[in-house]
Amino acid sequence: MGIAWVLRLFITDNGARAEHWGAISSALRAALITVPGLDIATARTVVVKSRGHFRGGFDEFFKDEQIVEVDCPGLTSPMLSRFDWTRLPRPVVPLDESVSWTPPAG
């Protein structure tokens, strides 16, 4: 678990103002980022840093087609094509698209 933050940004004709709130938790569900005065159902944008386990907790607010997944560089990624596989014998499934695999009969 890490620190979950809620940031509210107010933009007006006179400039912008931000409010933030943090708690030791992970954004597994919308209830963990709900603070007094914040209704996630009325938010225009919600950003969740997660490896994918957030979907079950936010599915009542957002449909799959409303979710944009962003993959940033780091130690790991679900996008296996982003890594240089210098010590891996090739071809291999699922990295090489031209390869197919059939499970052994048995």
C-alpha atoms as a PDB file:
ATOM      1  CA  MET A   1       0.000   0.000   0.000  1.00  0.00           C
ATOM      2  CA  GLY A   2       1.049   3.533  -0.667  1.00  0.00           C
ATOM      3  CA  ILE A   3      -0.386   6.958  -0.054  1.00  0.00           C
ATOM      4  CA  ALA A   4      -3.629   7.751  -1.857  1.00  0.00           C
ATOM      5  CA  TRP A   5      -4.069  11.425  -2.711  1.00  0.00           C
ATOM      6  CA  VAL A   6      -7.127  13.349  -3.731  1.00  0.00           C
ATOM      7  CA  LEU A   7      -6.506  16.619  -5.533  1.00  0.00           C
ATOM      8  CA  ARG A   8      -9.339  19.009  -6.319  1.00  0.00           C
ATOM      9  CA  LEU A   9      -8.517  21.732  -8.800  1.00  0.00           C
ATOM     10  CA  PHE A  10     -10.748  24.793  -9.033  1.00  0.00           C
ATOM     11  CA  ILE A  11     -10.290  27.011 -12.082  1.00  0.00           C
ATOM     12  CA  THR A  12     -12.008  30.383 -12.065  1.00  0.00           C
ATOM     13  CA  ASP A  13     -11.693  33.697 -13.898  1.00  0.00           C
ATOM     14  CA  ASN A  14      -9.343  34.831 -11.107  1.00  0.00           C
ATOM     15  CA  GLY A  15      -6.941  31.886 -11.411  1.00  0.00           C
ATOM     16  CA  ALA A  16      -6.703  28.379 -10.020  1.00  0.00           C
ATOM     17  CA  ARG A  17      -6.792  26.904  -6.537  1.00  0.00           C
ATOM     18  CA  ALA A  18      -5.959  23.354  -5.491  1.00  0.00           C
ATOM     19  CA  GLU A  19      -6.965  21.380  -2.415  1.00  0.00           C
ATOM     20  CA  HIS A  20      -5.415  18.056  -1.512  1.00  0.00           C
ATOM     21  CA  TRP A  21      -5.981  15.242   0.932  1.00  0.00           C
ATOM     22  CA  GLY A  22      -3.901  12.146   1.567  1.00  0.00           C
ATOM     23  CA  ALA A  23      -4.284   8.897   3.479  1.00  0.00           C
ATOM     24  CA  ILE A  24      -2.270   5.724   3.784  1.00  0.00           C
ATOM     25  CA  SER A  25      -4.104   3.399   1.469  1.00  0.00           C
ATOM     26  CA  SER A  26      -4.312   2.234  -2.112  1.00  0.00           C
ATOM     27  CA  ALA A  27      -6.973   3.386  -4.538  1.00  0.00           C
ATOM     28  CA  LEU A  28      -8.721   0.011  -4.704  1.00  0.00           C
ATOM     29  CA  ARG A  29     -12.166   1.542  -4.622  1.00  0.00           C
ATOM     30  CA  ALA A  30     -13.790   4.929  -4.962  1.00  0.00           C
ATOM     31  CA  ALA A  31     -14.766   5.067  -1.268  1.00  0.00           C
ATOM     32  CA  LEU A  32     -11.108   5.435  -0.291  1.00  0.00           C
ATOM     33  CA  ILE A  33     -10.774   8.716  -2.155  1.00  0.00           C
ATOM     34  CA  THR A  34     -14.082  10.182  -1.054  1.00  0.00           C
ATOM     35  CA  VAL A  35     -13.634  13.102   1.300  1.00  0.00           C
ATOM     36  CA  PRO A  36     -16.214  15.516   2.693  1.00  0.00           C
ATOM     37  CA  GLY A  37     -17.556  17.633  -0.129  1.00  0.00           C
ATOM     38  CA  LEU A  38     -16.233  15.420  -2.957  1.00  0.00           C
ATOM     39  CA  ASP A  39     -18.636  13.323  -4.999  1.00  0.00           C
ATOM     40  CA  ILE A  40     -16.739  11.174  -7.510  1.00  0.00           C
ATOM     41  CA  ALA A  41     -19.892  10.792  -9.602  1.00  0.00           C
ATOM     42  CA  THR A  42     -19.770  14.523 -10.436  1.00  0.00           C
ATOM     43  CA  ALA A  43     -16.054  14.662 -11.267  1.00  0.00           C
ATOM     44  CA  ARG A  44     -15.101  15.408 -14.886  1.00  0.00           C
ATOM     45  CA  THR A  45     -11.776  13.571 -14.570  1.00  0.00           C
ATOM     46  CA  VAL A  46     -10.462  11.002 -12.112  1.00  0.00           C
ATOM     47  CA  VAL A  47      -6.821   9.887 -12.254  1.00  0.00           C
ATOM     48  CA  VAL A  48      -5.835   6.663 -10.488  1.00  0.00           C
ATOM     49  CA  LYS A  49      -2.262   5.369 -10.369  1.00  0.00           C
ATOM     50  CA  SER A  50      -2.720   1.631 -10.297  1.00  0.00           C
ATOM     51  CA  ARG A  51      -1.591  -1.581 -11.974  1.00  0.00           C
ATOM     52  CA  GLY A  52      -5.158  -2.410 -12.951  1.00  0.00           C
ATOM     53  CA  HIS A  53      -6.850  -3.545  -9.760  1.00  0.00           C
ATOM     54  CA  PHE A  54      -8.826  -0.287  -9.652  1.00  0.00           C
ATOM     55  CA  ARG A  55     -11.447  -1.388 -12.214  1.00  0.00           C
ATOM     56  CA  GLY A  56     -13.604  -3.352  -9.763  1.00  0.00           C
ATOM     57  CA  GLY A  57     -13.835  -0.414  -7.388  1.00  0.00           C
ATOM     58  CA  PHE A  58     -14.640   2.227  -9.979  1.00  0.00           C
ATOM     59  CA  ASP A  59     -16.865   0.298 -12.418  1.00  0.00           C
ATOM     60  CA  GLU A  60     -20.022   1.851 -10.994  1.00  0.00           C
ATOM     61  CA  PHE A  61     -18.761   5.281 -12.116  1.00  0.00           C
ATOM     62  CA  PHE A  62     -16.863   4.561 -15.339  1.00  0.00           C
ATOM     63  CA  LYS A  63     -17.435   2.207 -18.268  1.00  0.00           C
ATOM     64  CA  ASP A  64     -14.483   0.405 -19.865  1.00  0.00           C
ATOM     65  CA  GLU A  65     -14.589   2.745 -22.875  1.00  0.00           C
ATOM     66  CA  GLN A  66     -14.175   5.753 -20.548  1.00  0.00           C
ATOM     67  CA  ILE A  67     -10.924   4.425 -19.045  1.00  0.00           C
ATOM     68  CA  VAL A  68      -7.617   5.466 -20.563  1.00  0.00           C
ATOM     69  CA  GLU A  69      -4.673   3.369 -19.417  1.00  0.00           C
ATOM     70  CA  VAL A  70      -1.275   5.044 -19.481  1.00  0.00           C
ATOM     71  CA  ASP A  71       1.943   3.043 -19.303  1.00  0.00           C
ATOM     72  CA  CYS A  72       4.943   5.027 -18.081  1.00  0.00           C
ATOM     73  CA  PRO A  73       8.550   3.822 -18.186  1.00  0.00           C
ATOM     74  CA  GLY A  74       9.648   1.954 -15.082  1.00  0.00           C
ATOM     75  CA  LEU A  75      10.865  -1.347 -13.708  1.00  0.00           C
ATOM     76  CA  THR A  76       7.909  -3.274 -15.072  1.00  0.00           C
ATOM     77  CA  SER A  77       5.174  -2.887 -17.642  1.00  0.00           C
ATOM     78  CA  PRO A  78       2.360  -4.943 -19.133  1.00  0.00           C
ATOM     79  CA  MET A  79       3.672  -3.804 -22.527  1.00  0.00           C
ATOM     80  CA  LEU A  80       6.340  -6.489 -23.004  1.00  0.00           C
ATOM     81  CA  SER A  81       7.457  -5.005 -26.331  1.00  0.00           C
ATOM     82  CA  ARG A  82       8.965  -2.042 -24.464  1.00  0.00           C
ATOM     83  CA  PHE A  83      11.828  -4.136 -23.105  1.00  0.00           C
ATOM     84  CA  ASP A  84      15.036  -5.204 -24.821  1.00  0.00           C
ATOM     85  CA  TRP A  85      15.046  -8.984 -24.502  1.00  0.00           C
ATOM     86  CA  THR A  86      18.765  -9.504 -25.121  1.00  0.00           C
ATOM     87  CA  ARG A  87      19.076 -12.892 -23.368  1.00  0.00           C
ATOM     88  CA  LEU A  88      15.815 -14.468 -24.431  1.00  0.00           C
ATOM     89  CA  PRO A  89      15.917 -17.105 -27.186  1.00  0.00           C
ATOM     90  CA  ARG A  90      13.655 -16.041 -30.044  1.00  0.00           C
ATOM     91  CA  PRO A  91      11.009 -16.483 -31.320  1.00  0.00           C
ATOM     92  CA  VAL A  92       8.787 -16.597 -28.244  1.00  0.00           C
ATOM     93  CA  VAL A  93       5.099 -16.148 -27.547  1.00  0.00           C
ATOM     94  CA  PRO A  94       3.730 -13.480 -26.878  1.00  0.00           C
ATOM     95  CA  LEU A  95       6.601 -11.171 -27.864  1.00  0.00           C
ATOM     96  CA  ASP A  96       6.870 -12.208 -31.498  1.00  0.00           C
ATOM     97  CA  GLU A  97       3.605 -11.733 -33.362  1.00  0.00           C
ATOM     98  CA  SER A  98       4.459 -14.180 -36.153  1.00  0.00           C
ATOM     99  CA  VAL A  99       4.669 -17.122 -33.723  1.00  0.00           C
ATOM    100  CA  SER A 100       1.754 -19.326 -32.764  1.00  0.00           C
ATOM    101  CA  TRP A 101       1.540 -21.820 -29.932  1.00  0.00           C
ATOM    102  CA  THR A 102      -0.608 -24.887 -29.517  1.00  0.00           C
ATOM    103  CA  PRO A 103      -0.796 -26.663 -26.159  1.00  0.00           C
ATOM    104  CA  PRO A 104       0.383 -30.263 -26.232  1.00  0.00           C
ATOM    105  CA  ALA A 105      -2.320 -32.894 -26.488  1.00  0.00           C
ATOM    106  CA  GLY A 106      -2.738 -34.822 -23.372  1.00  0.00           C
END
